[in-house]
Every structure is written in C-alpha cells, then in structure tokens.
Amino acid sequence: MTNTSVCPRCDTDTVRVLTTSPVPDRWVMYVCSTCIYSWRSTEPTQATDPATYPAAFKIDPADIPALAAIPPVPPRRQA
C-alpha cells in the first residue's frame, strides 16, 4: 500500500491533498509542499511510494534552495 503521508521524491511529511476527483472515490491528487511533486492515487507505486520511487530522481530537501529555475527566468526588460 502506498504511503500518502510521505513524499515519494523528497521523503518529507509535507504532503497534502491538492484535489479530488469530480466523480466521488475515483482518485485523490496529492502535492508535496517541500518539493512541489504531485501525483494521483491511481498512479503506479513507483511514482507514489517512497520505498519504490527511483533513487535517481530523489531530491534532498536541503538542495532545493540552490537548484536552478528551469527554464531560467530571463532578466526583466527595460521599458
């Protein structure tokens, strides 16, 4: 069973329900407040379970402030 209280990508406990299916009991969408990863309850366990999420795509929450914005935000144009 998938652990929905821990983020699969950054392993923090800052997960909250983002939204639910308009059709009752179909799916729940979760989002991590730390790394902004989001997923639906209907996705495969490799995308939803911290224990099976691919290690190559894990993020250390301590590294997040230093990550580059993708795509980079260009300098503001002068009017």
PDB file of N, CA and C in Angstrom:
ATOM      1  N   MET A   1       0.835  -1.183   0.000  1.00  0.00           N
ATOM      2  CA  MET A   1       0.000   0.000   0.000  1.00  0.00           C
ATOM      3  C   MET A   1       0.883   1.252   0.000  1.00  0.00           C
ATOM      4  N   THR A   2       0.496   2.247  -0.762  1.00  0.00           N
ATOM      5  CA  THR A   2       1.254   3.483  -0.880  1.00  0.00           C
ATOM      6  C   THR A   2       1.106   4.334   0.364  1.00  0.00           C
ATOM      7  N   ASN A   3       2.214   4.897   0.812  1.00  0.00           N
ATOM      8  CA  ASN A   3       2.205   5.792   1.961  1.00  0.00           C
ATOM      9  C   ASN A   3       1.961   7.208   1.451  1.00  0.00           C
ATOM     10  N   THR A   4       0.773   7.750   1.654  1.00  0.00           N
ATOM     11  CA  THR A   4       0.446   9.081   1.135  1.00  0.00           C
ATOM     12  C   THR A   4       0.801  10.195   2.109  1.00  0.00           C
ATOM     13  N   SER A   5       1.413   9.875   3.242  1.00  0.00           N
ATOM     14  CA  SER A   5       1.803  10.926   4.183  1.00  0.00           C
ATOM     15  C   SER A   5       3.273  11.320   4.024  1.00  0.00           C
ATOM     16  N   VAL A   6       4.002  10.622   3.144  1.00  0.00           N
ATOM     17  CA  VAL A   6       5.403  10.929   2.890  1.00  0.00           C
ATOM     18  C   VAL A   6       5.584  11.106   1.383  1.00  0.00           C
ATOM     19  N   CYS A   7       6.293  12.150   1.001  1.00  0.00           N
ATOM     20  CA  CYS A   7       6.537  12.430  -0.411  1.00  0.00           C
ATOM     21  C   CYS A   7       7.455  11.370  -1.020  1.00  0.00           C
ATOM     22  N   PRO A   8       7.073  10.807  -2.163  1.00  0.00           N
ATOM     23  CA  PRO A   8       7.928   9.811  -2.801  1.00  0.00           C
ATOM     24  C   PRO A   8       9.264  10.384  -3.275  1.00  0.00           C
ATOM     25  N   ARG A   9       9.294  11.673  -3.635  1.00  0.00           N
ATOM     26  CA  ARG A   9      10.504  12.261  -4.214  1.00  0.00           C
ATOM     27  C   ARG A   9      11.475  12.795  -3.168  1.00  0.00           C
ATOM     28  N   CYS A  10      10.994  13.464  -2.120  1.00  0.00           N
ATOM     29  CA  CYS A  10      11.926  14.074  -1.158  1.00  0.00           C
ATOM     30  C   CYS A  10      11.832  13.487   0.252  1.00  0.00           C
ATOM     31  N   ASP A  11      10.950  12.534   0.448  1.00  0.00           N
ATOM     32  CA  ASP A  11      10.813  11.822   1.729  1.00  0.00           C
ATOM     33  C   ASP A  11      10.440  12.717   2.908  1.00  0.00           C
ATOM     34  N   THR A  12       9.786  13.856   2.651  1.00  0.00           N
ATOM     35  CA  THR A  12       9.310  14.688   3.758  1.00  0.00           C
ATOM     36  C   THR A  12       7.845  14.370   4.047  1.00  0.00           C
ATOM     37  N   ASP A  13       7.375  14.857   5.168  1.00  0.00           N
ATOM     38  CA  ASP A  13       5.979  14.616   5.542  1.00  0.00           C
ATOM     39  C   ASP A  13       5.109  15.850   5.298  1.00  0.00           C
ATOM     40  N   THR A  14       5.420  16.612   4.259  1.00  0.00           N
ATOM     41  CA  THR A  14       4.685  17.843   3.961  1.00  0.00           C
ATOM     42  C   THR A  14       3.673  17.626   2.832  1.00  0.00           C
ATOM     43  N   VAL A  15       3.109  16.437   2.767  1.00  0.00           N
ATOM     44  CA  VAL A  15       2.140  16.085   1.728  1.00  0.00           C
ATOM     45  C   VAL A  15       0.748  16.528   2.159  1.00  0.00           C
ATOM     46  N   ARG A  16       0.020  17.074   1.186  1.00  0.00           N
ATOM     47  CA  ARG A  16      -1.376  17.444   1.439  1.00  0.00           C
ATOM     48  C   ARG A  16      -2.211  17.062   0.230  1.00  0.00           C
ATOM     49  N   VAL A  17      -3.506  16.978   0.431  1.00  0.00           N
ATOM     50  CA  VAL A  17      -4.421  16.714  -0.673  1.00  0.00           C
ATOM     51  C   VAL A  17      -4.562  17.997  -1.478  1.00  0.00           C
ATOM     52  N   LEU A  18      -4.312  17.908  -2.775  1.00  0.00           N
ATOM     53  CA  LEU A  18      -4.451  19.044  -3.670  1.00  0.00           C
ATOM     54  C   LEU A  18      -5.888  19.154  -4.176  1.00  0.00           C
ATOM     55  N   THR A  19      -6.431  18.024  -4.606  1.00  0.00           N
ATOM     56  CA  THR A  19      -7.809  17.992  -5.096  1.00  0.00           C
ATOM     57  C   THR A  19      -8.285  16.545  -5.135  1.00  0.00           C
ATOM     58  N   THR A  20      -9.550  16.368  -5.385  1.00  0.00           N
ATOM     59  CA  THR A  20     -10.125  15.030  -5.525  1.00  0.00           C
ATOM     60  C   THR A  20     -10.904  14.960  -6.834  1.00  0.00           C
ATOM     61  N   SER A  21     -11.143  13.760  -7.254  1.00  0.00           N
ATOM     62  CA  SER A  21     -11.870  13.526  -8.496  1.00  0.00           C
ATOM     63  C   SER A  21     -13.266  14.134  -8.428  1.00  0.00           C
ATOM     64  N   PRO A  22     -13.732  14.703  -9.544  1.00  0.00           N
ATOM     65  CA  PRO A  22     -15.111  15.199  -9.557  1.00  0.00           C
ATOM     66  C   PRO A  22     -16.119  14.056  -9.430  1.00  0.00           C
ATOM     67  N   VAL A  23     -15.683  12.847  -9.779  1.00  0.00           N
ATOM     68  CA  VAL A  23     -16.509  11.661  -9.564  1.00  0.00           C
ATOM     69  C   VAL A  23     -16.056  11.073  -8.229  1.00  0.00           C
ATOM     70  N   PRO A  24     -16.918  11.002  -7.247  1.00  0.00           N
ATOM     71  CA  PRO A  24     -16.517  10.566  -5.905  1.00  0.00           C
ATOM     72  C   PRO A  24     -15.763   9.228  -5.891  1.00  0.00           C
ATOM     73  N   ASP A  25     -14.722   9.192  -5.075  1.00  0.00           N
ATOM     74  CA  ASP A  25     -13.945   7.978  -4.803  1.00  0.00           C
ATOM     75  C   ASP A  25     -13.196   7.409  -6.009  1.00  0.00           C
ATOM     76  N   ARG A  26     -12.881   8.233  -7.012  1.00  0.00           N
ATOM     77  CA  ARG A  26     -12.113   7.760  -8.178  1.00  0.00           C
ATOM     78  C   ARG A  26     -10.622   7.930  -7.956  1.00  0.00           C
ATOM     79  N   TRP A  27     -10.190   9.135  -7.547  1.00  0.00           N
ATOM     80  CA  TRP A  27      -8.789   9.407  -7.292  1.00  0.00           C
ATOM     81  C   TRP A  27      -8.644  10.621  -6.386  1.00  0.00           C
ATOM     82  N   VAL A  28      -7.476  10.713  -5.784  1.00  0.00           N
ATOM     83  CA  VAL A  28      -7.095  11.859  -4.962  1.00  0.00           C
ATOM     84  C   VAL A  28      -5.766  12.350  -5.518  1.00  0.00           C
ATOM     85  N   MET A  29      -5.604  13.659  -5.614  1.00  0.00           N
ATOM     86  CA  MET A  29      -4.330  14.217  -6.070  1.00  0.00           C
ATOM     87  C   MET A  29      -3.624  14.827  -4.873  1.00  0.00           C
ATOM     88  N   TYR A  30      -2.347  14.433  -4.709  1.00  0.00           N
ATOM     89  CA  TYR A  30      -1.531  14.902  -3.601  1.00  0.00           C
ATOM     90  C   TYR A  30      -0.442  15.827  -4.125  1.00  0.00           C
ATOM     91  N   VAL A  31       0.058  16.703  -3.274  1.00  0.00           N
ATOM     92  CA  VAL A  31       1.191  17.567  -3.617  1.00  0.00           C
ATOM     93  C   VAL A  31       2.084  17.689  -2.382  1.00  0.00           C
ATOM     94  N   CYS A  32       3.379  17.734  -2.635  1.00  0.00           N
ATOM     95  CA  CYS A  32       4.352  17.935  -1.562  1.00  0.00           C
ATOM     96  C   CYS A  32       4.640  19.423  -1.461  1.00  0.00           C
ATOM     97  N   SER A  33       4.515  19.983  -0.296  1.00  0.00           N
ATOM     98  CA  SER A  33       4.782  21.406  -0.096  1.00  0.00           C
ATOM     99  C   SER A  33       6.277  21.731  -0.090  1.00  0.00           C
ATOM    100  N   THR A  34       7.114  20.723   0.036  1.00  0.00           N
ATOM    101  CA  THR A  34       8.558  20.946   0.055  1.00  0.00           C
ATOM    102  C   THR A  34       9.147  20.986  -1.350  1.00  0.00           C
ATOM    103  N   CYS A  35       8.871  19.955  -2.165  1.00  0.00           N
ATOM    104  CA  CYS A  35       9.496  19.869  -3.498  1.00  0.00           C
ATOM    105  C   CYS A  35       8.502  20.062  -4.643  1.00  0.00           C
ATOM    106  N   ILE A  36       7.235  20.281  -4.329  1.00  0.00           N
ATOM    107  CA  ILE A  36       6.165  20.535  -5.288  1.00  0.00           C
ATOM    108  C   ILE A  36       5.882  19.332  -6.196  1.00  0.00           C
ATOM    109  N   TYR A  37       6.321  18.151  -5.834  1.00  0.00           N
ATOM    110  CA  TYR A  37       5.973  16.940  -6.582  1.00  0.00           C
ATOM    111  C   TYR A  37       4.494  16.672  -6.359  1.00  0.00           C
ATOM    112  N   SER A  38       3.786  16.287  -7.404  1.00  0.00           N
ATOM    113  CA  SER A  38       2.369  15.949  -7.264  1.00  0.00           C
ATOM    114  C   SER A  38       2.079  14.631  -7.962  1.00  0.00           C
ATOM    115  N   TRP A  39       1.082  13.914  -7.465  1.00  0.00           N
ATOM    116  CA  TRP A  39       0.726  12.618  -8.016  1.00  0.00           C
ATOM    117  C   TRP A  39      -0.714  12.282  -7.654  1.00  0.00           C
ATOM    118  N   ARG A  40      -1.297  11.406  -8.459  1.00  0.00           N
ATOM    119  CA  ARG A  40      -2.644  10.913  -8.180  1.00  0.00           C
ATOM    120  C   ARG A  40      -2.567   9.550  -7.537  1.00  0.00           C
ATOM    121  N   SER A  41      -3.550   9.238  -6.764  1.00  0.00           N
ATOM    122  CA  SER A  41      -3.603   7.962  -6.057  1.00  0.00           C
ATOM    123  C   SER A  41      -3.686   6.770  -7.005  1.00  0.00           C
ATOM    124  N   THR A  42      -4.037   6.998  -8.255  1.00  0.00           N
ATOM    125  CA  THR A  42      -4.181   5.913  -9.226  1.00  0.00           C
ATOM    126  C   THR A  42      -2.893   5.605  -9.992  1.00  0.00           C
ATOM    127  N   GLU A  43      -1.823   6.349  -9.748  1.00  0.00           N
ATOM    128  CA  GLU A  43      -0.570   6.112 -10.461  1.00  0.00           C
ATOM    129  C   GLU A  43       0.132   4.871  -9.904  1.00  0.00           C
ATOM    130  N   PRO A  44       1.060   4.297 -10.679  1.00  0.00           N
ATOM    131  CA  PRO A  44       1.764   3.102 -10.205  1.00  0.00           C
ATOM    132  C   PRO A  44       2.624   3.403  -8.975  1.00  0.00           C
ATOM    133  N   THR A  45       2.913   2.376  -8.207  1.00  0.00           N
ATOM    134  CA  THR A  45       3.635   2.570  -6.947  1.00  0.00           C
ATOM    135  C   THR A  45       5.019   3.186  -7.141  1.00  0.00           C
ATOM    136  N   GLN A  46       5.662   2.969  -8.280  1.00  0.00           N
ATOM    137  CA  GLN A  46       6.984   3.568  -8.479  1.00  0.00           C
ATOM    138  C   GLN A  46       6.906   5.091  -8.518  1.00  0.00           C
ATOM    139  N   ALA A  47       5.732   5.658  -8.754  1.00  0.00           N
ATOM    140  CA  ALA A  47       5.559   7.114  -8.757  1.00  0.00           C
ATOM    141  C   ALA A  47       4.940   7.628  -7.468  1.00  0.00           C
ATOM    142  N   THR A  48       4.441   6.727  -6.638  1.00  0.00           N
ATOM    143  CA  THR A  48       3.703   7.161  -5.455  1.00  0.00           C
ATOM    144  C   THR A  48       4.245   6.669  -4.124  1.00  0.00           C
ATOM    145  N   ASP A  49       5.057   5.653  -4.149  1.00  0.00           N
ATOM    146  CA  ASP A  49       5.552   5.046  -2.909  1.00  0.00           C
ATOM    147  C   ASP A  49       7.021   5.411  -2.697  1.00  0.00           C
ATOM    148  N   PRO A  50       7.349   6.062  -1.584  1.00  0.00           N
ATOM    149  CA  PRO A  50       8.745   6.439  -1.329  1.00  0.00           C
ATOM    150  C   PRO A  50       9.714   5.260  -1.379  1.00  0.00           C
ATOM    151  N   ALA A  51       9.265   4.085  -1.016  1.00  0.00           N
ATOM    152  CA  ALA A  51      10.145   2.907  -0.996  1.00  0.00           C
ATOM    153  C   ALA A  51      10.491   2.415  -2.390  1.00  0.00           C
ATOM    154  N   THR A  52       9.656   2.697  -3.392  1.00  0.00           N
ATOM    155  CA  THR A  52       9.911   2.200  -4.744  1.00  0.00           C
ATOM    156  C   THR A  52      10.142   3.315  -5.759  1.00  0.00           C
ATOM    157  N   TYR A  53      10.092   4.568  -5.315  1.00  0.00           N
ATOM    158  CA  TYR A  53      10.372   5.698  -6.205  1.00  0.00           C
ATOM    159  C   TYR A  53      11.837   5.611  -6.640  1.00  0.00           C
ATOM    160  N   PRO A  54      12.151   5.791  -7.938  1.00  0.00           N
ATOM    161  CA  PRO A  54      13.536   5.622  -8.408  1.00  0.00           C
ATOM    162  C   PRO A  54      14.534   6.543  -7.695  1.00  0.00           C
ATOM    163  N   ALA A  55      15.574   5.953  -7.160  1.00  0.00           N
ATOM    164  CA  ALA A  55      16.587   6.703  -6.400  1.00  0.00           C
ATOM    165  C   ALA A  55      17.233   7.802  -7.236  1.00  0.00           C
ATOM    166  N   ALA A  56      17.358   7.595  -8.529  1.00  0.00           N
ATOM    167  CA  ALA A  56      17.987   8.595  -9.401  1.00  0.00           C
ATOM    168  C   ALA A  56      17.191   9.898  -9.457  1.00  0.00           C
ATOM    169  N   PHE A  57      15.910   9.843  -9.111  1.00  0.00           N
ATOM    170  CA  PHE A  57      15.062  11.026  -9.177  1.00  0.00           C
ATOM    171  C   PHE A  57      14.717  11.603  -7.803  1.00  0.00           C
ATOM    172  N   LYS A  58      15.274  11.022  -6.752  1.00  0.00           N
ATOM    173  CA  LYS A  58      15.044  11.551  -5.407  1.00  0.00           C
ATOM    174  C   LYS A  58      15.711  12.919  -5.267  1.00  0.00           C
ATOM    175  N   ILE A  59      15.141  13.767  -4.428  1.00  0.00           N
ATOM    176  CA  ILE A  59      15.673  15.100  -4.171  1.00  0.00           C
ATOM    177  C   ILE A  59      15.914  15.252  -2.674  1.00  0.00           C
ATOM    178  N   ASP A  60      17.064  15.788  -2.322  1.00  0.00           N
ATOM    179  CA  ASP A  60      17.355  16.110  -0.932  1.00  0.00           C
ATOM    180  C   ASP A  60      16.768  17.494  -0.664  1.00  0.00           C
ATOM    181  N   PRO A  61      15.848  17.624   0.285  1.00  0.00           N
ATOM    182  CA  PRO A  61      15.238  18.921   0.558  1.00  0.00           C
ATOM    183  C   PRO A  61      16.256  20.028   0.840  1.00  0.00           C
ATOM    184  N   ALA A  62      17.408  19.684   1.375  1.00  0.00           N
ATOM    185  CA  ALA A  62      18.441  20.694   1.652  1.00  0.00           C
ATOM    186  C   ALA A  62      19.013  21.285   0.364  1.00  0.00           C
ATOM    187  N   ASP A  63      18.908  20.564  -0.750  1.00  0.00           N
ATOM    188  CA  ASP A  63      19.440  21.047  -2.028  1.00  0.00           C
ATOM    189  C   ASP A  63      18.467  21.946  -2.790  1.00  0.00           C
ATOM    190  N   ILE A  64      17.223  21.966  -2.417  1.00  0.00           N
ATOM    191  CA  ILE A  64      16.200  22.686  -3.181  1.00  0.00           C
ATOM    192  C   ILE A  64      16.496  24.182  -3.333  1.00  0.00           C
ATOM    193  N   PRO A  65      16.904  24.910  -2.294  1.00  0.00           N
ATOM    194  CA  PRO A  65      17.152  26.346  -2.479  1.00  0.00           C
ATOM    195  C   PRO A  65      18.237  26.662  -3.515  1.00  0.00           C
ATOM    196  N   ALA A  66      19.171  25.747  -3.743  1.00  0.00           N
ATOM    197  CA  ALA A  66      20.263  26.001  -4.679  1.00  0.00           C
ATOM    198  C   ALA A  66      19.973  25.517  -6.100  1.00  0.00           C
ATOM    199  N   LEU A  67      18.837  24.856  -6.313  1.00  0.00           N
ATOM    200  CA  LEU A  67      18.519  24.351  -7.646  1.00  0.00           C
ATOM    201  C   LEU A  67      18.196  25.495  -8.600  1.00  0.00           C
ATOM    202  N   ALA A  68      18.596  25.328  -9.839  1.00  0.00           N
ATOM    203  CA  ALA A  68      18.331  26.344 -10.865  1.00  0.00           C
ATOM    204  C   ALA A  68      16.875  26.307 -11.282  1.00  0.00           C
ATOM    205  N   ALA A  69      16.345  27.465 -11.624  1.00  0.00           N
ATOM    206  CA  ALA A  69      14.989  27.532 -12.171  1.00  0.00           C
ATOM    207  C   ALA A  69      15.044  27.028 -13.601  1.00  0.00           C
ATOM    208  N   ILE A  70      14.157  26.112 -13.928  1.00  0.00           N
ATOM    209  CA  ILE A  70      14.116  25.555 -15.276  1.00  0.00           C
ATOM    210  C   ILE A  70      12.735  25.836 -15.852  1.00  0.00           C
ATOM    211  N   PRO A  71      12.589  26.520 -16.943  1.00  0.00           N
ATOM    212  CA  PRO A  71      13.637  27.226 -17.667  1.00  0.00           C
ATOM    213  C   PRO A  71      14.076  28.456 -16.884  1.00  0.00           C
ATOM    214  N   PRO A  72      15.282  28.944 -17.148  1.00  0.00           N
ATOM    215  CA  PRO A  72      15.757  30.110 -16.406  1.00  0.00           C
ATOM    216  C   PRO A  72      14.880  31.327 -16.683  1.00  0.00           C
ATOM    217  N   VAL A  73      14.689  32.118 -15.672  1.00  0.00           N
ATOM    218  CA  VAL A  73      13.909  33.343 -15.818  1.00  0.00           C
ATOM    219  C   VAL A  73      14.824  34.417 -16.371  1.00  0.00           C
ATOM    220  N   PRO A  74      14.488  34.975 -17.550  1.00  0.00           N
ATOM    221  CA  PRO A  74      15.358  35.985 -18.145  1.00  0.00           C
ATOM    222  C   PRO A  74      15.308  37.298 -17.368  1.00  0.00           C
ATOM    223  N   PRO A  75      16.328  38.131 -17.535  1.00  0.00           N
ATOM    224  CA  PRO A  75      16.304  39.433 -16.879  1.00  0.00           C
ATOM    225  C   PRO A  75      15.092  40.243 -17.381  1.00  0.00           C
ATOM    226  N   ARG A  76      14.601  41.066 -16.543  1.00  0.00           N
ATOM    227  CA  ARG A  76      13.448  41.887 -16.907  1.00  0.00           C
ATOM    228  C   ARG A  76      13.857  42.938 -17.949  1.00  0.00           C
ATOM    229  N   ARG A  77      13.015  43.102 -18.957  1.00  0.00           N
ATOM    230  CA  ARG A  77      13.281  44.098 -19.995  1.00  0.00           C
ATOM    231  C   ARG A  77      13.073  45.504 -19.441  1.00  0.00           C
ATOM    232  N   GLN A  78      13.888  46.400 -19.931  1.00  0.00           N
ATOM    233  CA  GLN A  78      13.718  47.801 -19.540  1.00  0.00           C
ATOM    234  C   GLN A  78      12.630  48.423 -20.422  1.00  0.00           C
ATOM    235  N   ALA A  79      11.754  49.166 -19.823  1.00  0.00           N
ATOM    236  CA  ALA A  79      10.639  49.771 -20.584  1.00  0.00           C
ATOM    237  C   ALA A  79      11.065  51.037 -21.292  1.00  0.00           C
TER     238      ALA A  79
END
